[in-house]
């Protein structure tokens, strides 16, 4: 009897923890195979070979980096209405209560925003959303383990120093 009760409790906990709400992660998975999108995952190993040019603080920041996911929508004349719909979906996901808005720049035709998940002391995910009325939009998720705001700034510097050719 105790075993059956345990199984029922375990199943109910599992079912109540399944989140059916839309999320940025689900959006990435759903659209990664769509022909309108370009999907790219970058692991820390792509930056590891550049350690010789990094300061000690940058090396520490790099160790908190887990991976980066990039999803870009390629705008062309045939998919303008799809672009508008997908752009609205991304903006809705980023305006959800769980993301903390950090900064925004640009004009009506192009711009970018930076948001994050976590606290002021510990950042779990950084999201950069960039859009252009001429080329499309891109969403970049930088996932980390115990990243700090200082690590975020160092990480941007690391990417610039590494001169990664994403082509």
Foldseek 3Di string as FASTA:
>chain_A
DVVVVVVVVVVVVVVVPDDPDDAPVVVCVVCCPPPQKPKDKAALVLLVVVVVVDDPVLVVLSQFWGIKIKIWGFDDPVCLVVLVVVVVVVVVNCPDPQKAWDDWDDDPAWIKTWIFGDDQQFTAWIWIWIAGNNTGIMIMITGGHRHHPVSVVSVVVSCVVSPDDPD
